[in-house]
């Protein structure tokens, strides 16, 4: 599937509030703000070893981000950590929900389109 900017923006706008509500339910928060969601998901490039500028498509960027997430999550050798106290576990909990996984993919595509420097 090829992600196109206009379709990504429409999906994002149509589903942002639902994603925040679903995130609140999963993380047992009163109300997840956009800033909190953005920090939880959007602030992981360095943690996951992903540089947006090294990718020529949003699909490549998303695949690298997901691989980085899996590396961080599965290499965590602290069994007491969970979705409430470790960022990779928080993201993993969100990715277990089909709707939120799709939303996160769209969120990452939107990040790519908004931040990729065009030569």
C-alpha atoms as a PDB file:
ATOM      1  CA  UNK A   1       0.000   0.000   0.000  1.00  0.00           C
ATOM      2  CA  UNK A   2       1.335   3.413  -0.961  1.00  0.00           C
ATOM      3  CA  UNK A   3       0.584   6.153   1.524  1.00  0.00           C
ATOM      4  CA  UNK A   4      -0.458   9.463  -0.020  1.00  0.00           C
ATOM      5  CA  UNK A   5      -0.283  12.750   1.827  1.00  0.00           C
ATOM      6  CA  UNK A   6      -3.912  13.840   1.320  1.00  0.00           C
ATOM      7  CA  UNK A   7      -5.326  10.468   2.389  1.00  0.00           C
ATOM      8  CA  UNK A   8      -3.023  10.460   5.423  1.00  0.00           C
ATOM      9  CA  UNK A   9      -4.173  13.952   6.477  1.00  0.00           C
ATOM     10  CA  UNK A  10      -7.844  13.048   6.065  1.00  0.00           C
ATOM     11  CA  UNK A  11      -7.524   9.826   8.074  1.00  0.00           C
ATOM     12  CA  UNK A  12      -5.545  11.646  10.756  1.00  0.00           C
ATOM     13  CA  UNK A  13      -8.103  14.448  11.145  1.00  0.00           C
ATOM     14  CA  UNK A  14     -11.043  12.034  11.067  1.00  0.00           C
ATOM     15  CA  UNK A  15      -9.580   9.725  13.726  1.00  0.00           C
ATOM     16  CA  UNK A  16      -7.417  11.832  16.045  1.00  0.00           C
ATOM     17  CA  UNK A  17     -10.011  12.225  18.823  1.00  0.00           C
ATOM     18  CA  UNK A  18     -10.945   8.540  18.707  1.00  0.00           C
ATOM     19  CA  UNK A  19      -7.239   7.640  18.985  1.00  0.00           C
ATOM     20  CA  UNK A  20      -6.785   9.870  22.035  1.00  0.00           C
ATOM     21  CA  UNK A  21      -9.854   8.339  23.694  1.00  0.00           C
ATOM     22  CA  UNK A  22      -8.669   4.795  22.951  1.00  0.00           C
ATOM     23  CA  UNK A  23      -5.187   5.638  24.261  1.00  0.00           C
ATOM     24  CA  UNK A  24      -6.730   6.930  27.498  1.00  0.00           C
ATOM     25  CA  UNK A  25      -8.656   3.672  27.896  1.00  0.00           C
ATOM     26  CA  UNK A  26      -5.608   1.464  27.313  1.00  0.00           C
ATOM     27  CA  UNK A  27      -3.304   3.485  29.560  1.00  0.00           C
ATOM     28  CA  UNK A  28      -6.029   4.069  32.143  1.00  0.00           C
ATOM     29  CA  UNK A  29      -5.583   7.844  31.963  1.00  0.00           C
ATOM     30  CA  UNK A  30      -8.373  10.319  32.541  1.00  0.00           C
ATOM     31  CA  UNK A  31      -7.756  12.029  29.206  1.00  0.00           C
ATOM     32  CA  UNK A  32      -4.737  11.667  26.957  1.00  0.00           C
ATOM     33  CA  UNK A  33      -3.797  15.012  25.438  1.00  0.00           C
ATOM     34  CA  UNK A  34      -2.379  15.416  21.967  1.00  0.00           C
ATOM     35  CA  UNK A  35       0.928  16.585  23.484  1.00  0.00           C
ATOM     36  CA  UNK A  36       1.122  13.426  25.581  1.00  0.00           C
ATOM     37  CA  UNK A  37       0.362  11.146  22.612  1.00  0.00           C
ATOM     38  CA  UNK A  38       2.860  12.996  20.443  1.00  0.00           C
ATOM     39  CA  UNK A  39       5.519  12.624  23.133  1.00  0.00           C
ATOM     40  CA  UNK A  40       4.772   8.942  23.648  1.00  0.00           C
ATOM     41  CA  UNK A  41       4.814   7.984  19.974  1.00  0.00           C
ATOM     42  CA  UNK A  42       6.409  10.900  18.148  1.00  0.00           C
ATOM     43  CA  UNK A  43       9.445  11.258  20.354  1.00  0.00           C
ATOM     44  CA  UNK A  44      10.904   7.836  19.655  1.00  0.00           C
ATOM     45  CA  UNK A  45      13.100   8.337  16.571  1.00  0.00           C
ATOM     46  CA  UNK A  46      16.314   8.648  18.562  1.00  0.00           C
ATOM     47  CA  UNK A  47      15.287   5.907  21.010  1.00  0.00           C
ATOM     48  CA  UNK A  48      14.510   3.568  18.114  1.00  0.00           C
ATOM     49  CA  UNK A  49      17.569   4.568  16.061  1.00  0.00           C
ATOM     50  CA  UNK A  50      15.563   6.003  13.175  1.00  0.00           C
ATOM     51  CA  UNK A  51      16.572   9.021  11.107  1.00  0.00           C
ATOM     52  CA  UNK A  52      13.726  10.249   8.921  1.00  0.00           C
ATOM     53  CA  UNK A  53      16.151  11.758   6.405  1.00  0.00           C
ATOM     54  CA  UNK A  54      17.594   8.309   5.632  1.00  0.00           C
ATOM     55  CA  UNK A  55      14.272   7.199   4.127  1.00  0.00           C
ATOM     56  CA  UNK A  56      12.840   7.973   0.699  1.00  0.00           C
ATOM     57  CA  UNK A  57       9.299   6.800   1.392  1.00  0.00           C
ATOM     58  CA  UNK A  58       6.967   6.942   4.368  1.00  0.00           C
ATOM     59  CA  UNK A  59       6.662   3.151   4.168  1.00  0.00           C
ATOM     60  CA  UNK A  60      10.424   2.721   4.618  1.00  0.00           C
ATOM     61  CA  UNK A  61      10.432   5.145   7.549  1.00  0.00           C
ATOM     62  CA  UNK A  62       7.493   3.362   9.213  1.00  0.00           C
ATOM     63  CA  UNK A  63       9.108  -0.065   8.754  1.00  0.00           C
ATOM     64  CA  UNK A  64      12.368   1.179  10.320  1.00  0.00           C
ATOM     65  CA  UNK A  65      10.457   2.764  13.212  1.00  0.00           C
ATOM     66  CA  UNK A  66       8.548  -0.467  13.873  1.00  0.00           C
ATOM     67  CA  UNK A  67      11.786  -2.491  13.740  1.00  0.00           C
ATOM     68  CA  UNK A  68      13.377  -0.038  16.177  1.00  0.00           C
ATOM     69  CA  UNK A  69      10.379  -0.343  18.469  1.00  0.00           C
ATOM     70  CA  UNK A  70      10.554  -4.144  18.427  1.00  0.00           C
ATOM     71  CA  UNK A  71      14.286  -4.022  19.170  1.00  0.00           C
ATOM     72  CA  UNK A  72      13.732  -1.702  22.144  1.00  0.00           C
ATOM     73  CA  UNK A  73      10.750  -3.643  23.462  1.00  0.00           C
ATOM     74  CA  UNK A  74      12.192  -7.150  23.147  1.00  0.00           C
ATOM     75  CA  UNK A  75      15.650  -6.189  24.415  1.00  0.00           C
ATOM     76  CA  UNK A  76      14.215  -4.751  27.631  1.00  0.00           C
ATOM     77  CA  UNK A  77      15.303  -7.212  30.292  1.00  0.00           C
ATOM     78  CA  UNK A  78      13.302  -5.673  33.127  1.00  0.00           C
ATOM     79  CA  UNK A  79      10.245  -7.912  33.538  1.00  0.00           C
ATOM     80  CA  UNK A  80       8.739  -5.592  36.138  1.00  0.00           C
ATOM     81  CA  UNK A  81       8.296  -2.829  33.559  1.00  0.00           C
ATOM     82  CA  UNK A  82       4.898  -2.450  31.962  1.00  0.00           C
ATOM     83  CA  UNK A  83       2.827  -0.013  29.941  1.00  0.00           C
ATOM     84  CA  UNK A  84       2.660   2.395  32.866  1.00  0.00           C
ATOM     85  CA  UNK A  85       6.383   2.874  33.503  1.00  0.00           C
ATOM     86  CA  UNK A  86       8.438   2.195  30.377  1.00  0.00           C
ATOM     87  CA  UNK A  87       8.033   3.962  27.021  1.00  0.00           C
ATOM     88  CA  UNK A  88       8.616   0.927  24.795  1.00  0.00           C
ATOM     89  CA  UNK A  89       6.015  -0.964  26.826  1.00  0.00           C
ATOM     90  CA  UNK A  90       3.567   1.930  26.530  1.00  0.00           C
ATOM     91  CA  UNK A  91       3.957   2.014  22.749  1.00  0.00           C
ATOM     92  CA  UNK A  92       3.731  -1.781  22.597  1.00  0.00           C
ATOM     93  CA  UNK A  93       0.435  -1.702  24.521  1.00  0.00           C
ATOM     94  CA  UNK A  94      -0.954   0.812  22.018  1.00  0.00           C
ATOM     95  CA  UNK A  95       0.224  -1.263  19.044  1.00  0.00           C
ATOM     96  CA  UNK A  96      -1.723  -4.275  20.347  1.00  0.00           C
ATOM     97  CA  UNK A  97      -4.957  -2.474  19.475  1.00  0.00           C
ATOM     98  CA  UNK A  98      -5.727  -2.776  15.733  1.00  0.00           C
ATOM     99  CA  UNK A  99      -7.236   0.700  15.438  1.00  0.00           C
ATOM    100  CA  UNK A 100      -4.365   2.376  17.298  1.00  0.00           C
ATOM    101  CA  UNK A 101      -1.773   0.449  15.301  1.00  0.00           C
ATOM    102  CA  UNK A 102      -3.332   1.780  12.095  1.00  0.00           C
ATOM    103  CA  UNK A 103      -3.510   5.282  13.588  1.00  0.00           C
ATOM    104  CA  UNK A 104       0.156   5.120  14.636  1.00  0.00           C
ATOM    105  CA  UNK A 105       1.121   4.086  11.092  1.00  0.00           C
ATOM    106  CA  UNK A 106      -0.793   7.107   9.763  1.00  0.00           C
ATOM    107  CA  UNK A 107       0.725   9.327  12.470  1.00  0.00           C
ATOM    108  CA  UNK A 108       4.220   8.216  11.381  1.00  0.00           C
ATOM    109  CA  UNK A 109       3.384   8.782   7.700  1.00  0.00           C
ATOM    110  CA  UNK A 110       2.145  12.270   8.575  1.00  0.00           C
ATOM    111  CA  UNK A 111       5.363  12.902  10.505  1.00  0.00           C
ATOM    112  CA  UNK A 112       7.322  11.815   7.438  1.00  0.00           C
ATOM    113  CA  UNK A 113       5.372  14.084   5.077  1.00  0.00           C
ATOM    114  CA  UNK A 114       5.563  17.066   7.446  1.00  0.00           C
ATOM    115  CA  UNK A 115       9.265  16.772   8.277  1.00  0.00           C
ATOM    116  CA  UNK A 116      11.038  15.247   5.276  1.00  0.00           C
ATOM    117  CA  UNK A 117      13.326  17.787   3.674  1.00  0.00           C
ATOM    118  CA  UNK A 118      12.819  17.839  -0.084  1.00  0.00           C
ATOM    119  CA  UNK A 119      16.006  18.464  -2.076  1.00  0.00           C
END
